[in-house]
PDB file of N, CA and C in Angstrom:
ATOM      1  N   UNK A   1       9.818  -3.996  -3.560  1.00  0.00           N
ATOM      2  CA  UNK A   1      10.424  -5.281  -3.770  1.00  0.00           C
ATOM      3  C   UNK A   1      11.579  -5.514  -2.798  1.00  0.00           C
ATOM      4  N   UNK A   2      12.313  -4.441  -2.487  1.00  0.00           N
ATOM      5  CA  UNK A   2      13.464  -4.547  -1.579  1.00  0.00           C
ATOM      6  C   UNK A   2      13.264  -3.594  -0.407  1.00  0.00           C
ATOM      7  N   UNK A   3      12.469  -4.001   0.598  1.00  0.00           N
ATOM      8  CA  UNK A   3      12.144  -3.080   1.694  1.00  0.00           C
ATOM      9  C   UNK A   3      13.365  -2.598   2.461  1.00  0.00           C
ATOM     10  N   UNK A   4      14.432  -3.369   2.491  1.00  0.00           N
ATOM     11  CA  UNK A   4      15.640  -2.939   3.202  1.00  0.00           C
ATOM     12  C   UNK A   4      16.313  -1.752   2.520  1.00  0.00           C
ATOM     13  N   UNK A   5      16.013  -1.538   1.247  1.00  0.00           N
ATOM     14  CA  UNK A   5      16.623  -0.443   0.501  1.00  0.00           C
ATOM     15  C   UNK A   5      15.851   0.874   0.666  1.00  0.00           C
ATOM     16  N   UNK A   6      14.687   0.820   1.299  1.00  0.00           N
ATOM     17  CA  UNK A   6      13.886   2.029   1.483  1.00  0.00           C
ATOM     18  C   UNK A   6      14.505   2.922   2.549  1.00  0.00           C
ATOM     19  N   UNK A   7      14.311   4.194   2.395  1.00  0.00           N
ATOM     20  CA  UNK A   7      14.777   5.173   3.374  1.00  0.00           C
ATOM     21  C   UNK A   7      13.976   4.995   4.660  1.00  0.00           C
ATOM     22  N   UNK A   8      14.624   4.661   5.777  1.00  0.00           N
ATOM     23  CA  UNK A   8      13.882   4.437   7.023  1.00  0.00           C
ATOM     24  C   UNK A   8      13.164   5.688   7.525  1.00  0.00           C
ATOM     25  N   UNK A   9      13.591   6.862   7.058  1.00  0.00           N
ATOM     26  CA  UNK A   9      12.938   8.104   7.458  1.00  0.00           C
ATOM     27  C   UNK A   9      11.619   8.322   6.720  1.00  0.00           C
ATOM     28  N   UNK A  10      11.429   7.640   5.612  1.00  0.00           N
ATOM     29  CA  UNK A  10      10.208   7.794   4.822  1.00  0.00           C
ATOM     30  C   UNK A  10       9.226   6.695   5.232  1.00  0.00           C
ATOM     31  N   UNK A  11       7.982   7.037   5.303  1.00  0.00           N
ATOM     32  CA  UNK A  11       6.961   6.062   5.663  1.00  0.00           C
ATOM     33  C   UNK A  11       6.382   5.484   4.388  1.00  0.00           C
ATOM     34  N   UNK A  12       6.530   4.206   4.211  1.00  0.00           N
ATOM     35  CA  UNK A  12       5.980   3.525   3.045  1.00  0.00           C
ATOM     36  C   UNK A  12       4.916   2.567   3.555  1.00  0.00           C
ATOM     37  N   UNK A  13       3.671   2.980   3.459  1.00  0.00           N
ATOM     38  CA  UNK A  13       2.582   2.163   3.960  1.00  0.00           C
ATOM     39  C   UNK A  13       1.558   1.973   2.856  1.00  0.00           C
ATOM     40  N   UNK A  14       1.753   0.957   2.069  1.00  0.00           N
ATOM     41  CA  UNK A  14       0.827   0.633   0.989  1.00  0.00           C
ATOM     42  C   UNK A  14       0.489  -0.836   1.140  1.00  0.00           C
ATOM     43  N   UNK A  15      -0.631  -1.148   1.808  1.00  0.00           N
ATOM     44  CA  UNK A  15      -0.944  -2.524   2.193  1.00  0.00           C
ATOM     45  C   UNK A  15      -0.942  -3.522   1.035  1.00  0.00           C
ATOM     46  N   UNK A  16      -1.231  -3.057  -0.161  1.00  0.00           N
ATOM     47  CA  UNK A  16      -1.255  -3.963  -1.302  1.00  0.00           C
ATOM     48  C   UNK A  16       0.099  -4.636  -1.500  1.00  0.00           C
ATOM     49  N   UNK A  17       1.169  -3.922  -1.126  1.00  0.00           N
ATOM     50  CA  UNK A  17       2.515  -4.436  -1.362  1.00  0.00           C
ATOM     51  C   UNK A  17       3.195  -4.976  -0.107  1.00  0.00           C
ATOM     52  N   UNK A  18       2.438  -5.184   0.967  1.00  0.00           N
ATOM     53  CA  UNK A  18       3.037  -5.745   2.174  1.00  0.00           C
ATOM     54  C   UNK A  18       3.676  -7.100   1.885  1.00  0.00           C
ATOM     55  N   UNK A  19       4.914  -7.236   2.295  1.00  0.00           N
ATOM     56  CA  UNK A  19       5.681  -8.475   2.136  1.00  0.00           C
ATOM     57  C   UNK A  19       5.707  -8.985   0.703  1.00  0.00           C
ATOM     58  N   UNK A  20       5.717  -8.074  -0.259  1.00  0.00           N
ATOM     59  CA  UNK A  20       5.735  -8.469  -1.672  1.00  0.00           C
ATOM     60  C   UNK A  20       7.004  -9.249  -2.005  1.00  0.00           C
ATOM     61  N   UNK A  21       8.071  -8.970  -1.260  1.00  0.00           N
ATOM     62  CA  UNK A  21       9.333  -9.662  -1.516  1.00  0.00           C
ATOM     63  C   UNK A  21       9.258 -11.145  -1.155  1.00  0.00           C
ATOM     64  N   UNK A  22       8.235 -11.543  -0.421  1.00  0.00           N
ATOM     65  CA  UNK A  22       8.087 -12.946  -0.020  1.00  0.00           C
ATOM     66  C   UNK A  22       7.122 -13.717  -0.930  1.00  0.00           C
ATOM     67  N   UNK A  23       6.545 -13.048  -1.913  1.00  0.00           N
ATOM     68  CA  UNK A  23       5.561 -13.673  -2.794  1.00  0.00           C
ATOM     69  C   UNK A  23       6.223 -14.170  -4.080  1.00  0.00           C
ATOM     70  N   UNK A  24       5.547 -15.100  -4.754  1.00  0.00           N
ATOM     71  CA  UNK A  24       6.042 -15.606  -6.037  1.00  0.00           C
ATOM     72  C   UNK A  24       5.951 -14.499  -7.087  1.00  0.00           C
ATOM     73  N   UNK A  25       6.787 -14.610  -8.100  1.00  0.00           N
ATOM     74  CA  UNK A  25       6.883 -13.582  -9.143  1.00  0.00           C
ATOM     75  C   UNK A  25       5.524 -13.287  -9.798  1.00  0.00           C
ATOM     76  N   UNK A  26       4.745 -14.323 -10.098  1.00  0.00           N
ATOM     77  CA  UNK A  26       3.439 -14.119 -10.739  1.00  0.00           C
ATOM     78  C   UNK A  26       2.512 -13.305  -9.834  1.00  0.00           C
ATOM     79  N   UNK A  27       2.545 -13.573  -8.534  1.00  0.00           N
ATOM     80  CA  UNK A  27       1.706 -12.823  -7.602  1.00  0.00           C
ATOM     81  C   UNK A  27       2.203 -11.378  -7.465  1.00  0.00           C
ATOM     82  N   UNK A  28       3.518 -11.174  -7.518  1.00  0.00           N
ATOM     83  CA  UNK A  28       4.074  -9.818  -7.473  1.00  0.00           C
ATOM     84  C   UNK A  28       3.554  -9.002  -8.653  1.00  0.00           C
ATOM     85  N   UNK A  29       3.572  -9.601  -9.833  1.00  0.00           N
ATOM     86  CA  UNK A  29       3.105  -8.895 -11.035  1.00  0.00           C
ATOM     87  C   UNK A  29       1.614  -8.603 -10.945  1.00  0.00           C
ATOM     88  N   UNK A  30       0.855  -9.554 -10.431  1.00  0.00           N
ATOM     89  CA  UNK A  30      -0.582  -9.365 -10.278  1.00  0.00           C
ATOM     90  C   UNK A  30      -0.870  -8.212  -9.322  1.00  0.00           C
ATOM     91  N   UNK A  31      -0.139  -8.142  -8.216  1.00  0.00           N
ATOM     92  CA  UNK A  31      -0.316  -7.057  -7.257  1.00  0.00           C
ATOM     93  C   UNK A  31       0.057  -5.707  -7.871  1.00  0.00           C
ATOM     94  N   UNK A  32       1.094  -5.687  -8.687  1.00  0.00           N
ATOM     95  CA  UNK A  32       1.477  -4.444  -9.352  1.00  0.00           C
ATOM     96  C   UNK A  32       0.370  -3.975 -10.294  1.00  0.00           C
ATOM     97  N   UNK A  33      -0.176  -4.902 -11.077  1.00  0.00           N
ATOM     98  CA  UNK A  33      -1.272  -4.535 -11.980  1.00  0.00           C
ATOM     99  C   UNK A  33      -2.456  -3.969 -11.199  1.00  0.00           C
ATOM    100  N   UNK A  34      -2.776  -4.620 -10.075  1.00  0.00           N
ATOM    101  CA  UNK A  34      -3.875  -4.155  -9.242  1.00  0.00           C
ATOM    102  C   UNK A  34      -3.583  -2.759  -8.688  1.00  0.00           C
ATOM    103  N   UNK A  35      -2.347  -2.532  -8.260  1.00  0.00           N
ATOM    104  CA  UNK A  35      -1.954  -1.224  -7.743  1.00  0.00           C
ATOM    105  C   UNK A  35      -2.047  -0.135  -8.793  1.00  0.00           C
ATOM    106  N   UNK A  36      -1.626  -0.437 -10.016  1.00  0.00           N
ATOM    107  CA  UNK A  36      -1.713   0.534 -11.111  1.00  0.00           C
ATOM    108  C   UNK A  36      -3.172   0.860 -11.398  1.00  0.00           C
ATOM    109  N   UNK A  37      -4.015  -0.163 -11.428  1.00  0.00           N
ATOM    110  CA  UNK A  37      -5.445   0.044 -11.672  1.00  0.00           C
ATOM    111  C   UNK A  37      -6.051   0.938 -10.601  1.00  0.00           C
ATOM    112  N   UNK A  38      -5.680   0.704  -9.345  1.00  0.00           N
ATOM    113  CA  UNK A  38      -6.192   1.544  -8.253  1.00  0.00           C
ATOM    114  C   UNK A  38      -5.686   2.981  -8.374  1.00  0.00           C
ATOM    115  N   UNK A  39      -4.425   3.150  -8.712  1.00  0.00           N
ATOM    116  CA  UNK A  39      -3.842   4.491  -8.818  1.00  0.00           C
ATOM    117  C   UNK A  39      -4.461   5.281  -9.965  1.00  0.00           C
ATOM    118  N   UNK A  40      -4.732   4.617 -11.077  1.00  0.00           N
ATOM    119  CA  UNK A  40      -5.338   5.293 -12.223  1.00  0.00           C
ATOM    120  C   UNK A  40      -6.725   5.823 -11.866  1.00  0.00           C
ATOM    121  N   UNK A  41      -7.387   5.158 -10.952  1.00  0.00           N
ATOM    122  CA  UNK A  41      -8.730   5.585 -10.542  1.00  0.00           C
ATOM    123  C   UNK A  41      -8.703   6.771  -9.579  1.00  0.00           C
ATOM    124  N   UNK A  42      -7.532   7.142  -9.061  1.00  0.00           N
ATOM    125  CA  UNK A  42      -7.425   8.246  -8.106  1.00  0.00           C
ATOM    126  C   UNK A  42      -7.079   9.535  -8.856  1.00  0.00           C
ATOM    127  N   UNK A  43      -8.071  10.407  -9.000  1.00  0.00           N
ATOM    128  CA  UNK A  43      -7.853  11.640  -9.753  1.00  0.00           C
ATOM    129  C   UNK A  43      -6.742  12.500  -9.174  1.00  0.00           C
ATOM    130  N   UNK A  44      -6.646  12.560  -7.840  1.00  0.00           N
ATOM    131  CA  UNK A  44      -5.615  13.405  -7.234  1.00  0.00           C
ATOM    132  C   UNK A  44      -4.215  12.880  -7.565  1.00  0.00           C
ATOM    133  N   UNK A  45      -4.066  11.571  -7.734  1.00  0.00           N
ATOM    134  CA  UNK A  45      -2.769  11.004  -8.111  1.00  0.00           C
ATOM    135  C   UNK A  45      -2.498  11.258  -9.593  1.00  0.00           C
ATOM    136  N   UNK A  46      -3.479  10.974 -10.420  1.00  0.00           N
ATOM    137  CA  UNK A  46      -3.315  11.131 -11.868  1.00  0.00           C
ATOM    138  C   UNK A  46      -3.024  12.582 -12.238  1.00  0.00           C
ATOM    139  N   UNK A  47      -3.678  13.521 -11.555  1.00  0.00           N
ATOM    140  CA  UNK A  47      -3.525  14.937 -11.894  1.00  0.00           C
ATOM    141  C   UNK A  47      -2.411  15.641 -11.128  1.00  0.00           C
ATOM    142  N   UNK A  48      -1.710  14.925 -10.273  1.00  0.00           N
ATOM    143  CA  UNK A  48      -0.629  15.535  -9.500  1.00  0.00           C
ATOM    144  C   UNK A  48       0.523  15.904 -10.437  1.00  0.00           C
ATOM    145  N   UNK A  49       1.143  17.080 -10.263  1.00  0.00           N
ATOM    146  CA  UNK A  49       2.219  17.503 -11.164  1.00  0.00           C
ATOM    147  C   UNK A  49       3.448  16.580 -11.153  1.00  0.00           C
ATOM    148  N   UNK A  50       3.629  15.794 -10.097  1.00  0.00           N
ATOM    149  CA  UNK A  50       4.790  14.896 -10.066  1.00  0.00           C
ATOM    150  C   UNK A  50       4.502  13.529 -10.687  1.00  0.00           C
ATOM    151  N   UNK A  51       3.275  13.312 -11.142  1.00  0.00           N
ATOM    152  CA  UNK A  51       2.926  12.041 -11.764  1.00  0.00           C
ATOM    153  C   UNK A  51       3.554  11.975 -13.156  1.00  0.00           C
ATOM    154  N   UNK A  52       4.287  10.916 -13.386  1.00  0.00           N
ATOM    155  CA  UNK A  52       4.910  10.687 -14.699  1.00  0.00           C
ATOM    156  C   UNK A  52       3.838  10.153 -15.633  1.00  0.00           C
ATOM    157  N   UNK A  53       3.558  10.863 -16.693  1.00  0.00           N
ATOM    158  CA  UNK A  53       2.469  10.500 -17.603  1.00  0.00           C
ATOM    159  C   UNK A  53       2.915   9.636 -18.776  1.00  0.00           C
ATOM    160  N   UNK A  54       4.184   9.267 -18.774  1.00  0.00           N
ATOM    161  CA  UNK A  54       4.650   8.402 -19.867  1.00  0.00           C
ATOM    162  C   UNK A  54       4.037   7.011 -19.721  1.00  0.00           C
ATOM    163  N   UNK A  55       3.938   6.266 -20.827  1.00  0.00           N
ATOM    164  CA  UNK A  55       3.425   4.895 -20.732  1.00  0.00           C
ATOM    165  C   UNK A  55       4.329   4.058 -19.829  1.00  0.00           C
ATOM    166  N   UNK A  56       3.752   3.032 -19.197  1.00  0.00           N
ATOM    167  CA  UNK A  56       4.543   2.172 -18.332  1.00  0.00           C
ATOM    168  C   UNK A  56       5.592   1.401 -19.113  1.00  0.00           C
ATOM    169  N   UNK A  57       5.271   1.076 -20.339  1.00  0.00           N
ATOM    170  CA  UNK A  57       6.244   0.379 -21.186  1.00  0.00           C
ATOM    171  C   UNK A  57       6.842   1.421 -22.114  1.00  0.00           C
ATOM    172  N   UNK A  58       8.096   1.749 -21.862  1.00  0.00           N
ATOM    173  CA  UNK A  58       8.762   2.775 -22.651  1.00  0.00           C
ATOM    174  C   UNK A  58       9.301   2.168 -23.945  1.00  0.00           C
ATOM    175  N   UNK A  59       9.374   2.962 -24.994  1.00  0.00           N
ATOM    176  CA  UNK A  59       9.923   2.447 -26.246  1.00  0.00           C
ATOM    177  C   UNK A  59      11.396   2.071 -26.067  1.00  0.00           C
ATOM    178  N   UNK A  60      11.836   1.117 -26.836  1.00  0.00           N
ATOM    179  CA  UNK A  60      13.223   0.695 -26.781  1.00  0.00           C
ATOM    180  C   UNK A  60      14.066   1.744 -27.462  1.00  0.00           C
ATOM    181  N   UNK A  61      15.103   2.186 -26.757  1.00  0.00           N
ATOM    182  CA  UNK A  61      15.997   3.192 -27.311  1.00  0.00           C
ATOM    183  C   UNK A  61      17.111   2.517 -28.067  1.00  0.00           C
ATOM    184  N   UNK A  62      17.447   3.059 -29.191  1.00  0.00           N
ATOM    185  CA  UNK A  62      18.521   2.503 -29.996  1.00  0.00           C
ATOM    186  C   UNK A  62      19.501   3.608 -30.342  1.00  0.00           C
ATOM    187  N   UNK A  63      20.787   3.306 -30.232  1.00  0.00           N
ATOM    188  CA  UNK A  63      21.821   4.288 -30.586  1.00  0.00           C
ATOM    189  C   UNK A  63      21.814   4.542 -32.083  1.00  0.00           C
ATOM    190  N   UNK A  64      21.255   3.636 -32.851  1.00  0.00           N
ATOM    191  CA  UNK A  64      21.226   3.773 -34.315  1.00  0.00           C
ATOM    192  C   UNK A  64      19.989   4.532 -34.788  1.00  0.00           C
ATOM    193  N   UNK A  65      19.118   4.893 -33.864  1.00  0.00           N
ATOM    194  CA  UNK A  65      17.937   5.659 -34.233  1.00  0.00           C
ATOM    195  C   UNK A  65      16.875   4.787 -34.694  1.00  0.00           C
TER     196      UNK A  65
END
């Protein structure tokens, strides 16, 4: 979303998100959904030890429990 904030030493080449910062919010969300769907289909990504397996929508935390 904020390409200027990316580390210039790291290569971020994911064509689905090219110029996402210039797209309307609805299109940004649609592209994210498409990206998640593609990633879920990649076994090497899903089974990688650094993959966070928590749901995308985390439960709301409350200080009152």
